[in-house]
PDB file of N, CA and C in Angstrom:
ATOM      1  N   MET A   1       0.815  -1.179   0.000  1.00  0.00           N
ATOM      2  CA  MET A   1       0.000   0.000   0.000  1.00  0.00           C
ATOM      3  C   MET A   1       0.868   1.255   0.000  1.00  0.00           C
ATOM      4  N   GLU A   2       2.069   1.140  -0.479  1.00  0.00           N
ATOM      5  CA  GLU A   2       2.942   2.299  -0.539  1.00  0.00           C
ATOM      6  C   GLU A   2       2.430   3.282  -1.572  1.00  0.00           C
ATOM      7  N   GLY A   3       2.624   4.540  -1.300  1.00  0.00           N
ATOM      8  CA  GLY A   3       2.245   5.567  -2.243  1.00  0.00           C
ATOM      9  C   GLY A   3       0.767   5.906  -2.225  1.00  0.00           C
ATOM     10  N   MET A   4      -0.010   5.217  -1.384  1.00  0.00           N
ATOM     11  CA  MET A   4      -1.449   5.495  -1.319  1.00  0.00           C
ATOM     12  C   MET A   4      -1.710   6.449  -0.167  1.00  0.00           C
ATOM     13  N   THR A   5      -2.587   7.396  -0.394  1.00  0.00           N
ATOM     14  CA  THR A   5      -2.975   8.312   0.670  1.00  0.00           C
ATOM     15  C   THR A   5      -4.176   7.729   1.391  1.00  0.00           C
ATOM     16  N   PRO A   6      -4.318   8.021   2.690  1.00  0.00           N
ATOM     17  CA  PRO A   6      -5.487   7.510   3.406  1.00  0.00           C
ATOM     18  C   PRO A   6      -6.776   8.092   2.826  1.00  0.00           C
ATOM     19  N   MET A   7      -7.839   7.314   2.917  1.00  0.00           N
ATOM     20  CA  MET A   7      -9.114   7.741   2.347  1.00  0.00           C
ATOM     21  C   MET A   7      -9.705   8.879   3.178  1.00  0.00           C
ATOM     22  N   ASP A   8     -10.185   9.905   2.512  1.00  0.00           N
ATOM     23  CA  ASP A   8     -10.823  11.044   3.157  1.00  0.00           C
ATOM     24  C   ASP A   8     -12.286  10.696   3.406  1.00  0.00           C
ATOM     25  N   ASN A   9     -12.638  10.418   4.666  1.00  0.00           N
ATOM     26  CA  ASN A   9     -14.004  10.016   5.005  1.00  0.00           C
ATOM     27  C   ASN A   9     -15.005  11.155   4.891  1.00  0.00           C
ATOM     28  N   GLU A  10     -14.524  12.377   4.811  1.00  0.00           N
ATOM     29  CA  GLU A  10     -15.405  13.533   4.682  1.00  0.00           C
ATOM     30  C   GLU A  10     -15.735  13.843   3.223  1.00  0.00           C
ATOM     31  N   ALA A  11     -15.045  13.199   2.298  1.00  0.00           N
ATOM     32  CA  ALA A  11     -15.256  13.460   0.868  1.00  0.00           C
ATOM     33  C   ALA A  11     -16.594  12.881   0.430  1.00  0.00           C
ATOM     34  N   PRO A  12     -17.184  13.427  -0.636  1.00  0.00           N
ATOM     35  CA  PRO A  12     -18.417  12.832  -1.176  1.00  0.00           C
ATOM     36  C   PRO A  12     -18.158  11.385  -1.602  1.00  0.00           C
ATOM     37  N   THR A  13     -19.216  10.587  -1.623  1.00  0.00           N
ATOM     38  CA  THR A  13     -19.085   9.161  -1.897  1.00  0.00           C
ATOM     39  C   THR A  13     -18.353   8.886  -3.206  1.00  0.00           C
ATOM     40  N   VAL A  14     -18.653   9.620  -4.250  1.00  0.00           N
ATOM     41  CA  VAL A  14     -18.022   9.378  -5.550  1.00  0.00           C
ATOM     42  C   VAL A  14     -16.512   9.554  -5.448  1.00  0.00           C
ATOM     43  N   THR A  15     -16.063  10.579  -4.754  1.00  0.00           N
ATOM     44  CA  THR A  15     -14.630  10.815  -4.609  1.00  0.00           C
ATOM     45  C   THR A  15     -13.989   9.720  -3.769  1.00  0.00           C
ATOM     46  N   ARG A  16     -14.663   9.290  -2.726  1.00  0.00           N
ATOM     47  CA  ARG A  16     -14.114   8.227  -1.880  1.00  0.00           C
ATOM     48  C   ARG A  16     -13.948   6.940  -2.664  1.00  0.00           C
ATOM     49  N   MET A  17     -14.895   6.613  -3.521  1.00  0.00           N
ATOM     50  CA  MET A  17     -14.803   5.388  -4.314  1.00  0.00           C
ATOM     51  C   MET A  17     -13.595   5.429  -5.245  1.00  0.00           C
ATOM     52  N   ASN A  18     -13.225   6.597  -5.747  1.00  0.00           N
ATOM     53  CA  ASN A  18     -12.069   6.713  -6.633  1.00  0.00           C
ATOM     54  C   ASN A  18     -10.764   6.440  -5.907  1.00  0.00           C
ATOM     55  N   GLU A  19     -10.748   6.643  -4.595  1.00  0.00           N
ATOM     56  CA  GLU A  19      -9.532   6.440  -3.816  1.00  0.00           C
ATOM     57  C   GLU A  19      -9.299   4.977  -3.463  1.00  0.00           C
ATOM     58  N   LEU A  20     -10.292   4.125  -3.664  1.00  0.00           N
ATOM     59  CA  LEU A  20     -10.155   2.712  -3.321  1.00  0.00           C
ATOM     60  C   LEU A  20      -9.228   2.000  -4.296  1.00  0.00           C
ATOM     61  N   PRO A  21      -8.575   0.911  -3.831  1.00  0.00           N
ATOM     62  CA  PRO A  21      -7.757   0.108  -4.743  1.00  0.00           C
ATOM     63  C   PRO A  21      -8.632  -0.503  -5.847  1.00  0.00           C
ATOM     64  N   ASP A  22      -8.031  -0.783  -6.995  1.00  0.00           N
ATOM     65  CA  ASP A  22      -8.781  -1.326  -8.133  1.00  0.00           C
ATOM     66  C   ASP A  22      -9.473  -2.636  -7.787  1.00  0.00           C
ATOM     67  N   ARG A  23      -8.794  -3.487  -7.043  1.00  0.00           N
ATOM     68  CA  ARG A  23      -9.384  -4.785  -6.676  1.00  0.00           C
ATOM     69  C   ARG A  23     -10.668  -4.584  -5.872  1.00  0.00           C
ATOM     70  N   THR A  24     -10.648  -3.641  -4.951  1.00  0.00           N
ATOM     71  CA  THR A  24     -11.830  -3.361  -4.134  1.00  0.00           C
ATOM     72  C   THR A  24     -12.954  -2.790  -4.987  1.00  0.00           C
ATOM     73  N   LYS A  25     -12.626  -1.877  -5.892  1.00  0.00           N
ATOM     74  CA  LYS A  25     -13.649  -1.306  -6.779  1.00  0.00           C
ATOM     75  C   LYS A  25     -14.275  -2.390  -7.657  1.00  0.00           C
ATOM     76  N   ASP A  26     -13.453  -3.319  -8.179  1.00  0.00           N
ATOM     77  CA  ASP A  26     -13.988  -4.419  -8.993  1.00  0.00           C
ATOM     78  C   ASP A  26     -14.934  -5.286  -8.174  1.00  0.00           C
ATOM     79  N   PHE A  27     -14.525  -5.592  -6.947  1.00  0.00           N
ATOM     80  CA  PHE A  27     -15.352  -6.425  -6.074  1.00  0.00           C
ATOM     81  C   PHE A  27     -16.688  -5.743  -5.790  1.00  0.00           C
ATOM     82  N   LEU A  28     -16.640  -4.476  -5.410  1.00  0.00           N
ATOM     83  CA  LEU A  28     -17.862  -3.751  -5.069  1.00  0.00           C
ATOM     84  C   LEU A  28     -18.772  -3.546  -6.274  1.00  0.00           C
ATOM     85  N   SER A  29     -18.194  -3.388  -7.452  1.00  0.00           N
ATOM     86  CA  SER A  29     -19.018  -3.154  -8.645  1.00  0.00           C
ATOM     87  C   SER A  29     -19.817  -4.391  -9.046  1.00  0.00           C
ATOM     88  N   LYS A  30     -19.381  -5.570  -8.608  1.00  0.00           N
ATOM     89  CA  LYS A  30     -20.073  -6.814  -8.967  1.00  0.00           C
ATOM     90  C   LYS A  30     -21.180  -7.182  -7.984  1.00  0.00           C
ATOM     91  N   LEU A  31     -21.320  -6.452  -6.888  1.00  0.00           N
ATOM     92  CA  LEU A  31     -22.316  -6.787  -5.872  1.00  0.00           C
ATOM     93  C   LEU A  31     -23.706  -6.341  -6.298  1.00  0.00           C
ATOM     94  N   ASP A  32     -24.701  -7.204  -6.011  1.00  0.00           N
ATOM     95  CA  ASP A  32     -26.091  -6.791  -6.210  1.00  0.00           C
ATOM     96  C   ASP A  32     -26.733  -6.618  -4.830  1.00  0.00           C
ATOM     97  N   GLU A  33     -28.023  -6.309  -4.789  1.00  0.00           N
ATOM     98  CA  GLU A  33     -28.706  -6.039  -3.511  1.00  0.00           C
ATOM     99  C   GLU A  33     -28.624  -7.227  -2.554  1.00  0.00           C
ATOM    100  N   ASP A  34     -28.813  -8.443  -3.071  1.00  0.00           N
ATOM    101  CA  ASP A  34     -28.748  -9.630  -2.212  1.00  0.00           C
ATOM    102  C   ASP A  34     -27.355  -9.802  -1.614  1.00  0.00           C
ATOM    103  N   ASP A  35     -26.332  -9.556  -2.413  1.00  0.00           N
ATOM    104  CA  ASP A  35     -24.965  -9.675  -1.909  1.00  0.00           C
ATOM    105  C   ASP A  35     -24.700  -8.668  -0.796  1.00  0.00           C
ATOM    106  N   ILE A  36     -25.190  -7.457  -0.979  1.00  0.00           N
ATOM    107  CA  ILE A  36     -24.999  -6.427   0.048  1.00  0.00           C
ATOM    108  C   ILE A  36     -25.736  -6.809   1.326  1.00  0.00           C
ATOM    109  N   ASP A  37     -26.965  -7.318   1.194  1.00  0.00           N
ATOM    110  CA  ASP A  37     -27.714  -7.780   2.372  1.00  0.00           C
ATOM    111  C   ASP A  37     -26.972  -8.910   3.067  1.00  0.00           C
ATOM    112  N   ASN A  38     -26.432  -9.847   2.280  1.00  0.00           N
ATOM    113  CA  ASN A  38     -25.683 -10.965   2.861  1.00  0.00           C
ATOM    114  C   ASN A  38     -24.433 -10.482   3.588  1.00  0.00           C
ATOM    115  N   LEU A  39     -23.731  -9.523   3.007  1.00  0.00           N
ATOM    116  CA  LEU A  39     -22.542  -8.984   3.670  1.00  0.00           C
ATOM    117  C   LEU A  39     -22.900  -8.281   4.976  1.00  0.00           C
ATOM    118  N   GLU A  40     -23.988  -7.523   4.974  1.00  0.00           N
ATOM    119  CA  GLU A  40     -24.416  -6.859   6.209  1.00  0.00           C
ATOM    120  C   GLU A  40     -24.785  -7.888   7.273  1.00  0.00           C
ATOM    121  N   ASP A  41     -25.493  -8.954   6.867  1.00  0.00           N
ATOM    122  CA  ASP A  41     -25.834 -10.018   7.811  1.00  0.00           C
ATOM    123  C   ASP A  41     -24.584 -10.716   8.330  1.00  0.00           C
ATOM    124  N   ALA A  42     -23.612 -10.942   7.455  1.00  0.00           N
ATOM    125  CA  ALA A  42     -22.371 -11.600   7.863  1.00  0.00           C
ATOM    126  C   ALA A  42     -21.608 -10.753   8.875  1.00  0.00           C
ATOM    127  N   ILE A  43     -21.604  -9.446   8.675  1.00  0.00           N
ATOM    128  CA  ILE A  43     -20.918  -8.558   9.615  1.00  0.00           C
ATOM    129  C   ILE A  43     -21.608  -8.600  10.978  1.00  0.00           C
ATOM    130  N   LYS A  44     -22.939  -8.575  10.987  1.00  0.00           N
ATOM    131  CA  LYS A  44     -23.682  -8.664  12.251  1.00  0.00           C
ATOM    132  C   LYS A  44     -23.439 -10.009  12.929  1.00  0.00           C
ATOM    133  N   PHE A  45     -23.429 -11.095  12.134  1.00  0.00           N
ATOM    134  CA  PHE A  45     -23.190 -12.432  12.675  1.00  0.00           C
ATOM    135  C   PHE A  45     -21.796 -12.519  13.288  1.00  0.00           C
ATOM    136  N   TYR A  46     -20.800 -11.978  12.605  1.00  0.00           N
ATOM    137  CA  TYR A  46     -19.429 -11.996  13.108  1.00  0.00           C
ATOM    138  C   TYR A  46     -19.337 -11.255  14.444  1.00  0.00           C
ATOM    139  N   ALA A  47     -19.998 -10.112  14.545  1.00  0.00           N
ATOM    140  CA  ALA A  47     -19.989  -9.354  15.801  1.00  0.00           C
ATOM    141  C   ALA A  47     -20.642 -10.161  16.921  1.00  0.00           C
ATOM    142  N   THR A  48     -21.733 -10.855  16.596  1.00  0.00           N
ATOM    143  CA  THR A  48     -22.417 -11.682  17.592  1.00  0.00           C
ATOM    144  C   THR A  48     -21.537 -12.835  18.045  1.00  0.00           C
ATOM    145  N   VAL A  49     -20.873 -13.489  17.105  1.00  0.00           N
ATOM    146  CA  VAL A  49     -19.998 -14.619  17.444  1.00  0.00           C
ATOM    147  C   VAL A  49     -18.842 -14.153  18.324  1.00  0.00           C
ATOM    148  N   ARG A  50     -18.271 -12.996  18.015  1.00  0.00           N
ATOM    149  CA  ARG A  50     -17.187 -12.463  18.853  1.00  0.00           C
ATOM    150  C   ARG A  50     -17.677 -12.196  20.266  1.00  0.00           C
ATOM    151  N   THR A  51     -18.867 -11.605  20.387  1.00  0.00           N
ATOM    152  CA  THR A  51     -19.430 -11.319  21.705  1.00  0.00           C
ATOM    153  C   THR A  51     -19.684 -12.614  22.466  1.00  0.00           C
ATOM    154  N   MET A  52     -20.264 -13.590  21.783  1.00  0.00           N
ATOM    155  CA  MET A  52     -20.536 -14.871  22.440  1.00  0.00           C
ATOM    156  C   MET A  52     -19.236 -15.564  22.838  1.00  0.00           C
ATOM    157  N   GLY A  53     -18.193 -15.400  22.056  1.00  0.00           N
ATOM    158  CA  GLY A  53     -16.893 -15.969  22.410  1.00  0.00           C
ATOM    159  C   GLY A  53     -16.391 -15.406  23.725  1.00  0.00           C
ATOM    160  N   HIS A  54     -16.541 -14.097  23.920  1.00  0.00           N
ATOM    161  CA  HIS A  54     -16.130 -13.481  25.181  1.00  0.00           C
ATOM    162  C   HIS A  54     -16.983 -14.007  26.336  1.00  0.00           C
ATOM    163  N   VAL A  55     -18.276 -14.118  26.111  1.00  0.00           N
ATOM    164  CA  VAL A  55     -19.182 -14.599  27.159  1.00  0.00           C
ATOM    165  C   VAL A  55     -18.831 -16.029  27.546  1.00  0.00           C
ATOM    166  N   VAL A  56     -18.611 -16.887  26.558  1.00  0.00           N
ATOM    167  CA  VAL A  56     -18.292 -18.294  26.835  1.00  0.00           C
ATOM    168  C   VAL A  56     -16.953 -18.399  27.559  1.00  0.00           C
ATOM    169  N   LYS A  57     -15.980 -17.585  27.159  1.00  0.00           N
ATOM    170  CA  LYS A  57     -14.671 -17.608  27.825  1.00  0.00           C
ATOM    171  C   LYS A  57     -14.825 -17.282  29.306  1.00  0.00           C
ATOM    172  N   TRP A  58     -15.544 -16.202  29.611  1.00  0.00           N
ATOM    173  CA  TRP A  58     -15.689 -15.814  31.009  1.00  0.00           C
ATOM    174  C   TRP A  58     -16.587 -16.779  31.774  1.00  0.00           C
ATOM    175  N   LEU A  59     -17.539 -17.391  31.101  1.00  0.00           N
ATOM    176  CA  LEU A  59     -18.364 -18.409  31.744  1.00  0.00           C
ATOM    177  C   LEU A  59     -17.512 -19.612  32.138  1.00  0.00           C
ATOM    178  N   ALA A  60     -16.621 -20.048  31.248  1.00  0.00           N
ATOM    179  CA  ALA A  60     -15.738 -21.176  31.547  1.00  0.00           C
ATOM    180  C   ALA A  60     -14.802 -20.843  32.705  1.00  0.00           C
ATOM    181  N   ILE A  61     -14.251 -19.634  32.709  1.00  0.00           N
ATOM    182  CA  ILE A  61     -13.369 -19.220  33.805  1.00  0.00           C
ATOM    183  C   ILE A  61     -14.130 -19.192  35.123  1.00  0.00           C
ATOM    184  N   THR A  62     -15.362 -18.698  35.099  1.00  0.00           N
ATOM    185  CA  THR A  62     -16.178 -18.637  36.312  1.00  0.00           C
ATOM    186  C   THR A  62     -16.492 -20.030  36.837  1.00  0.00           C
ATOM    187  N   VAL A  63     -16.877 -20.942  35.954  1.00  0.00           N
ATOM    188  CA  VAL A  63     -17.195 -22.315  36.374  1.00  0.00           C
ATOM    189  C   VAL A  63     -15.962 -22.977  36.978  1.00  0.00           C
ATOM    190  N   LEU A  64     -14.805 -22.803  36.336  1.00  0.00           N
ATOM    191  CA  LEU A  64     -13.570 -23.376  36.881  1.00  0.00           C
ATOM    192  C   LEU A  64     -13.255 -22.793  38.254  1.00  0.00           C
ATOM    193  N   ALA A  65     -13.424 -21.492  38.417  1.00  0.00           N
ATOM    194  CA  ALA A  65     -13.153 -20.852  39.708  1.00  0.00           C
ATOM    195  C   ALA A  65     -14.100 -21.372  40.784  1.00  0.00           C
ATOM    196  N   ILE A  66     -15.357 -21.594  40.434  1.00  0.00           N
ATOM    197  CA  ILE A  66     -16.324 -22.127  41.402  1.00  0.00           C
ATOM    198  C   ILE A  66     -15.934 -23.542  41.810  1.00  0.00           C
ATOM    199  N   ILE A  67     -15.535 -24.366  40.845  1.00  0.00           N
ATOM    200  CA  ILE A  67     -15.136 -25.747  41.156  1.00  0.00           C
ATOM    201  C   ILE A  67     -13.919 -25.753  42.077  1.00  0.00           C
ATOM    202  N   VAL A  68     -12.909 -24.947  41.763  1.00  0.00           N
ATOM    203  CA  VAL A  68     -11.710 -24.878  42.602  1.00  0.00           C
ATOM    204  C   VAL A  68     -12.068 -24.334  43.980  1.00  0.00           C
ATOM    205  N   GLY A  69     -12.931 -23.331  44.036  1.00  0.00           N
ATOM    206  CA  GLY A  69     -13.341 -22.765  45.315  1.00  0.00           C
ATOM    207  C   GLY A  69     -14.086 -23.766  46.181  1.00  0.00           C
ATOM    208  N   ILE A  70     -14.982 -24.547  45.580  1.00  0.00           N
ATOM    209  CA  ILE A  70     -15.726 -25.560  46.341  1.00  0.00           C
ATOM    210  C   ILE A  70     -14.781 -26.634  46.856  1.00  0.00           C
ATOM    211  N   ALA A  71     -13.847 -27.084  46.017  1.00  0.00           N
ATOM    212  CA  ALA A  71     -12.889 -28.108  46.446  1.00  0.00           C
ATOM    213  C   ALA A  71     -12.026 -27.594  47.591  1.00  0.00           C
ATOM    214  N   SER A  72     -11.575 -26.356  47.495  1.00  0.00           N
ATOM    215  CA  SER A  72     -10.754 -25.767  48.547  1.00  0.00           C
ATOM    216  C   SER A  72     -11.554 -25.601  49.836  1.00  0.00           C
ATOM    217  N   LEU A  73     -12.785 -25.138  49.719  1.00  0.00           N
ATOM    218  CA  LEU A  73     -13.638 -24.977  50.894  1.00  0.00           C
ATOM    219  C   LEU A  73     -13.892 -26.322  51.569  1.00  0.00           C
ATOM    220  N   TYR A  74     -14.154 -27.360  50.784  1.00  0.00           N
ATOM    221  CA  TYR A  74     -14.393 -28.700  51.330  1.00  0.00           C
ATOM    222  C   TYR A  74     -13.151 -29.203  52.061  1.00  0.00           C
ATOM    223  N   GLU A  75     -11.993 -29.053  51.438  1.00  0.00           N
ATOM    224  CA  GLU A  75     -10.746 -29.529  52.044  1.00  0.00           C
ATOM    225  C   GLU A  75     -10.462 -28.807  53.357  1.00  0.00           C
ATOM    226  N   ASN A  76     -10.620 -27.505  53.369  1.00  0.00           N
ATOM    227  CA  ASN A  76     -10.342 -26.744  54.588  1.00  0.00           C
ATOM    228  C   ASN A  76     -11.399 -26.978  55.659  1.00  0.00           C
ATOM    229  N   THR A  77     -12.634 -27.228  55.260  1.00  0.00           N
ATOM    230  CA  THR A  77     -13.677 -27.569  56.231  1.00  0.00           C
ATOM    231  C   THR A  77     -13.343 -28.888  56.919  1.00  0.00           C
ATOM    232  N   LEU A  78     -12.893 -29.881  56.153  1.00  0.00           N
ATOM    233  CA  LEU A  78     -12.488 -31.158  56.755  1.00  0.00           C
ATOM    234  C   LEU A  78     -11.301 -30.971  57.697  1.00  0.00           C
ATOM    235  N   LYS A  79     -10.367 -30.110  57.341  1.00  0.00           N
ATOM    236  CA  LYS A  79      -9.200 -29.847  58.174  1.00  0.00           C
ATOM    237  C   LYS A  79      -9.630 -29.221  59.503  1.00  0.00           C
ATOM    238  N   ILE A  80     -10.514 -28.232  59.452  1.00  0.00           N
ATOM    239  CA  ILE A  80     -11.000 -27.576  60.674  1.00  0.00           C
ATOM    240  C   ILE A  80     -11.812 -28.558  61.510  1.00  0.00           C
ATOM    241  N   TRP A  81     -12.614 -29.370  60.851  1.00  0.00           N
ATOM    242  CA  TRP A  81     -13.412 -30.387  61.552  1.00  0.00           C
ATOM    243  C   TRP A  81     -12.484 -31.347  62.302  1.00  0.00           C
ATOM    244  N   GLY A  82     -11.373 -31.698  61.678  1.00  0.00           N
ATOM    245  CA  GLY A  82     -10.395 -32.587  62.318  1.00  0.00           C
ATOM    246  C   GLY A  82      -9.741 -31.956  63.532  1.00  0.00           C
ATOM    247  N   TRP A  83      -9.541 -30.662  63.545  1.00  0.00           N
ATOM    248  CA  TRP A  83      -8.938 -29.994  64.687  1.00  0.00           C
ATOM    249  C   TRP A  83      -9.842 -30.080  65.912  1.00  0.00           C
ATOM    250  N   PHE A  84     -11.150 -29.963  65.710  1.00  0.00           N
ATOM    251  CA  PHE A  84     -12.086 -29.944  66.837  1.00  0.00           C
ATOM    252  C   PHE A  84     -12.482 -31.336  67.302  1.00  0.00           C
ATOM    253  N   HIS A  85     -12.261 -32.347  66.496  1.00  0.00           N
ATOM    254  CA  HIS A  85     -12.692 -33.706  66.854  1.00  0.00           C
ATOM    255  C   HIS A  85     -11.510 -34.668  66.860  1.00  0.00           C
ATOM    256  N   LYS A  86     -10.545 -34.368  67.705  1.00  0.00           N
ATOM    257  CA  LYS A  86      -9.401 -35.278  67.834  1.00  0.00           C
ATOM    258  C   LYS A  86      -9.625 -36.264  68.931  1.00  0.00           C
TER     259      LYS A  86
END
């Protein structure tokens, strides 16, 4: 991407399209309404999957922490019980 200037987002749409690489312009020129709808749906789906990935990650960490906490609590409860019932 050497020699390319960053796209001016404030420029009118026609001018912005001229600043795009040729490959991108060719790709966009071949899209019809259904393709655009599909791309918008794909972008929304990708955002949802990323969000769910974060939720599942933290859910797994929470479940693991609860399991370790219960095991530790059980072990220490037995230890304290042993101190009082010798």
